[in-house]
Amino acid sequence: MGSNNCIMGEKQNIENELIDLENKLYALVMIKDQIWPYHPANPDFINPITLYENLSKEIDEIERKINSLERRLTSLN
C-alpha cells in the first residue's frame, strides 16, 4: 500500500509540474506573439515610437471630446 501511495504521489507531482510548465509555455508564447509586430526582423515591423505617439494623439483627442461632451451635458442640466 505504501509503495502505491508513493507512486501516486510521484505521479501527481509530475502531472502538476507538467501543468505548470504548459501554463508557463502558453503565457510565454502569448507574450512572444504580442511583441512580434514590433520585432525588427518582422517584415511588417511596427515602429513602437511612432505607434506610441499616434496612440497619445488619439487619446488626447478622445479626452478633449469627452470633456467637451461633459461640459455640454452639464450646461443642459
N, C-alpha and C. Protein backbone atom coordinates (compact mmCIF):
# COMPACT_ATOMS: atom_id res chain seq x y z
N MET A 1 0.82 -1.19 0.00
CA MET A 1 0.00 0.00 0.00
C MET A 1 0.87 1.26 0.00
N GLY A 2 1.95 1.28 0.80
CA GLY A 2 2.84 2.43 0.88
C GLY A 2 3.50 2.72 -0.45
N SER A 3 3.86 1.68 -1.17
CA SER A 3 4.51 1.83 -2.48
C SER A 3 3.54 2.47 -3.47
N ASN A 4 2.28 2.05 -3.40
CA ASN A 4 1.25 2.63 -4.27
C ASN A 4 1.07 4.12 -4.00
N ASN A 5 1.04 4.49 -2.71
CA ASN A 5 0.89 5.90 -2.34
C ASN A 5 2.07 6.72 -2.83
N CYS A 6 3.27 6.15 -2.74
CA CYS A 6 4.49 6.83 -3.19
C CYS A 6 4.43 7.06 -4.70
N ILE A 7 4.00 6.04 -5.43
CA ILE A 7 3.88 6.15 -6.89
C ILE A 7 2.81 7.16 -7.25
N MET A 8 1.68 7.12 -6.53
CA MET A 8 0.59 8.07 -6.80
C MET A 8 1.04 9.49 -6.51
N GLY A 9 1.79 9.66 -5.41
CA GLY A 9 2.30 10.99 -5.08
C GLY A 9 3.27 11.50 -6.13
N GLU A 10 4.15 10.62 -6.60
CA GLU A 10 5.11 11.00 -7.63
C GLU A 10 4.39 11.33 -8.93
N LYS A 11 3.38 10.53 -9.25
CA LYS A 11 2.60 10.78 -10.47
C LYS A 11 1.91 12.14 -10.38
N GLN A 12 1.34 12.45 -9.22
CA GLN A 12 0.66 13.73 -9.03
C GLN A 12 1.64 14.89 -9.15
N ASN A 13 2.84 14.73 -8.58
CA ASN A 13 3.86 15.77 -8.68
C ASN A 13 4.27 16.02 -10.13
N ILE A 14 4.44 14.94 -10.88
CA ILE A 14 4.81 15.07 -12.30
C ILE A 14 3.69 15.74 -13.08
N GLU A 15 2.45 15.33 -12.82
CA GLU A 15 1.31 15.94 -13.51
C GLU A 15 1.22 17.44 -13.18
N ASN A 16 1.43 17.79 -11.91
CA ASN A 16 1.40 19.20 -11.52
C ASN A 16 2.50 19.99 -12.20
N GLU A 17 3.69 19.41 -12.27
CA GLU A 17 4.81 20.08 -12.93
C GLU A 17 4.53 20.27 -14.42
N LEU A 18 3.94 19.25 -15.04
CA LEU A 18 3.56 19.36 -16.46
C LEU A 18 2.56 20.50 -16.66
N ILE A 19 1.56 20.57 -15.82
CA ILE A 19 0.55 21.62 -15.92
C ILE A 19 1.21 22.99 -15.76
N ASP A 20 2.08 23.13 -14.77
CA ASP A 20 2.77 24.40 -14.54
C ASP A 20 3.61 24.79 -15.76
N LEU A 21 4.35 23.83 -16.30
CA LEU A 21 5.19 24.12 -17.47
C LEU A 21 4.35 24.46 -18.70
N GLU A 22 3.24 23.76 -18.90
CA GLU A 22 2.37 24.05 -20.03
C GLU A 22 1.77 25.44 -19.90
N ASN A 23 1.37 25.82 -18.68
CA ASN A 23 0.82 27.17 -18.45
C ASN A 23 1.88 28.24 -18.70
N LYS A 24 3.10 27.99 -18.24
CA LYS A 24 4.18 28.94 -18.46
C LYS A 24 4.50 29.06 -19.95
N LEU A 25 4.55 27.92 -20.64
CA LEU A 25 4.80 27.92 -22.08
C LEU A 25 3.73 28.72 -22.81
N TYR A 26 2.48 28.50 -22.46
CA TYR A 26 1.37 29.22 -23.09
C TYR A 26 1.53 30.73 -22.87
N ALA A 27 1.83 31.13 -21.64
CA ALA A 27 1.99 32.55 -21.33
C ALA A 27 3.14 33.16 -22.12
N LEU A 28 4.26 32.46 -22.20
CA LEU A 28 5.41 32.98 -22.94
C LEU A 28 5.13 33.07 -24.44
N VAL A 29 4.44 32.09 -24.99
CA VAL A 29 4.09 32.12 -26.42
C VAL A 29 3.15 33.31 -26.69
N MET A 30 2.23 33.56 -25.78
CA MET A 30 1.32 34.69 -25.95
C MET A 30 2.09 36.01 -25.93
N ILE A 31 3.03 36.15 -25.01
CA ILE A 31 3.85 37.37 -24.95
C ILE A 31 4.67 37.51 -26.23
N LYS A 32 5.27 36.42 -26.66
CA LYS A 32 6.08 36.45 -27.88
C LYS A 32 5.23 36.88 -29.08
N ASP A 33 4.01 36.34 -29.18
CA ASP A 33 3.11 36.73 -30.27
C ASP A 33 2.74 38.21 -30.19
N GLN A 34 2.60 38.73 -28.98
CA GLN A 34 2.22 40.13 -28.81
C GLN A 34 3.36 41.08 -29.19
N ILE A 35 4.60 40.66 -28.99
CA ILE A 35 5.70 41.57 -29.30
C ILE A 35 6.25 41.39 -30.72
N TRP A 36 5.86 40.33 -31.40
CA TRP A 36 6.36 40.09 -32.76
C TRP A 36 6.12 41.27 -33.70
N PRO A 37 4.99 41.93 -33.66
CA PRO A 37 4.79 43.05 -34.59
C PRO A 37 5.86 44.14 -34.44
N TYR A 38 6.51 44.21 -33.30
CA TYR A 38 7.50 45.26 -33.04
C TYR A 38 8.94 44.79 -33.24
N HIS A 39 9.11 43.54 -33.63
CA HIS A 39 10.45 42.99 -33.81
C HIS A 39 11.02 43.45 -35.16
N PRO A 40 12.25 43.95 -35.16
CA PRO A 40 12.83 44.45 -36.42
C PRO A 40 12.91 43.40 -37.53
N ALA A 41 12.95 42.12 -37.20
CA ALA A 41 13.01 41.08 -38.23
C ALA A 41 11.65 40.84 -38.88
N ASN A 42 10.61 41.38 -38.31
CA ASN A 42 9.27 41.23 -38.88
C ASN A 42 9.17 42.12 -40.12
N PRO A 43 8.84 41.54 -41.27
CA PRO A 43 8.74 42.36 -42.49
C PRO A 43 7.66 43.44 -42.39
N ASP A 44 6.68 43.25 -41.52
CA ASP A 44 5.62 44.24 -41.31
C ASP A 44 5.82 44.98 -39.98
N PHE A 45 7.09 45.20 -39.65
CA PHE A 45 7.51 45.83 -38.40
C PHE A 45 6.70 47.09 -38.10
N ILE A 46 6.23 47.19 -36.85
CA ILE A 46 5.55 48.39 -36.37
C ILE A 46 6.54 49.13 -35.48
N ASN A 47 6.79 50.38 -35.82
CA ASN A 47 7.70 51.18 -35.02
C ASN A 47 6.99 51.56 -33.72
N PRO A 48 7.46 51.08 -32.57
CA PRO A 48 6.77 51.35 -31.31
C PRO A 48 6.77 52.83 -30.93
N ILE A 49 7.78 53.57 -31.35
CA ILE A 49 7.83 55.00 -31.04
C ILE A 49 6.71 55.73 -31.78
N THR A 50 6.59 55.43 -33.07
CA THR A 50 5.53 56.04 -33.87
C THR A 50 4.16 55.62 -33.36
N LEU A 51 4.01 54.35 -33.04
CA LEU A 51 2.73 53.86 -32.52
C LEU A 51 2.37 54.58 -31.22
N TYR A 52 3.35 54.71 -30.33
CA TYR A 52 3.12 55.40 -29.05
C TYR A 52 2.66 56.84 -29.29
N GLU A 53 3.34 57.53 -30.19
CA GLU A 53 2.98 58.92 -30.50
C GLU A 53 1.57 59.01 -31.07
N ASN A 54 1.24 58.10 -31.99
CA ASN A 54 -0.09 58.10 -32.59
C ASN A 54 -1.17 57.79 -31.56
N LEU A 55 -0.90 56.82 -30.69
CA LEU A 55 -1.87 56.50 -29.63
C LEU A 55 -2.04 57.67 -28.68
N SER A 56 -0.96 58.34 -28.35
CA SER A 56 -1.04 59.51 -27.46
C SER A 56 -1.91 60.60 -28.07
N LYS A 57 -1.74 60.85 -29.36
CA LYS A 57 -2.56 61.85 -30.05
C LYS A 57 -4.02 61.45 -30.03
N GLU A 58 -4.29 60.18 -30.31
CA GLU A 58 -5.67 59.71 -30.33
C GLU A 58 -6.31 59.79 -28.95
N ILE A 59 -5.54 59.44 -27.92
CA ILE A 59 -6.02 59.53 -26.54
C ILE A 59 -6.35 60.98 -26.20
N ASP A 60 -5.46 61.90 -26.55
CA ASP A 60 -5.71 63.33 -26.28
C ASP A 60 -6.98 63.80 -26.97
N GLU A 61 -7.16 63.38 -28.21
CA GLU A 61 -8.35 63.79 -28.97
C GLU A 61 -9.62 63.25 -28.31
N ILE A 62 -9.60 62.02 -27.92
CA ILE A 62 -10.77 61.42 -27.27
C ILE A 62 -11.05 62.10 -25.93
N GLU A 63 -10.00 62.38 -25.16
CA GLU A 63 -10.18 63.07 -23.89
C GLU A 63 -10.79 64.46 -24.09
N ARG A 64 -10.36 65.18 -25.13
CA ARG A 64 -10.94 66.50 -25.43
C ARG A 64 -12.42 66.37 -25.79
N LYS A 65 -12.75 65.37 -26.60
CA LYS A 65 -14.16 65.16 -26.98
C LYS A 65 -15.00 64.82 -25.76
N ILE A 66 -14.46 63.97 -24.88
CA ILE A 66 -15.19 63.60 -23.66
C ILE A 66 -15.43 64.84 -22.81
N ASN A 67 -14.40 65.65 -22.61
CA ASN A 67 -14.54 66.87 -21.82
C ASN A 67 -15.57 67.82 -22.42
N SER A 68 -15.53 67.96 -23.72
CA SER A 68 -16.47 68.82 -24.40
C SER A 68 -17.90 68.33 -24.22
N LEU A 69 -18.09 67.03 -24.40
CA LEU A 69 -19.44 66.47 -24.23
C LEU A 69 -19.91 66.58 -22.79
N GLU A 70 -19.02 66.38 -21.84
CA GLU A 70 -19.40 66.51 -20.42
C GLU A 70 -19.79 67.95 -20.11
N ARG A 71 -19.07 68.93 -20.66
CA ARG A 71 -19.43 70.34 -20.44
C ARG A 71 -20.80 70.64 -21.04
N ARG A 72 -21.02 70.15 -22.27
CA ARG A 72 -22.33 70.36 -22.92
C ARG A 72 -23.45 69.73 -22.08
N LEU A 73 -23.20 68.52 -21.60
CA LEU A 73 -24.21 67.83 -20.82
C LEU A 73 -24.50 68.59 -19.52
N THR A 74 -23.45 69.08 -18.88
CA THR A 74 -23.61 69.84 -17.64
C THR A 74 -24.38 71.12 -17.90
N SER A 75 -24.13 71.75 -19.01
CA SER A 75 -24.82 73.02 -19.32
C SER A 75 -26.30 72.79 -19.59
N LEU A 76 -26.70 71.61 -19.94
CA LEU A 76 -28.10 71.30 -20.21
C LEU A 76 -28.88 70.99 -18.93
N ASN A 77 -28.19 70.78 -17.84
CA ASN A 77 -28.87 70.45 -16.58
C ASN A 77 -29.33 71.68 -15.86
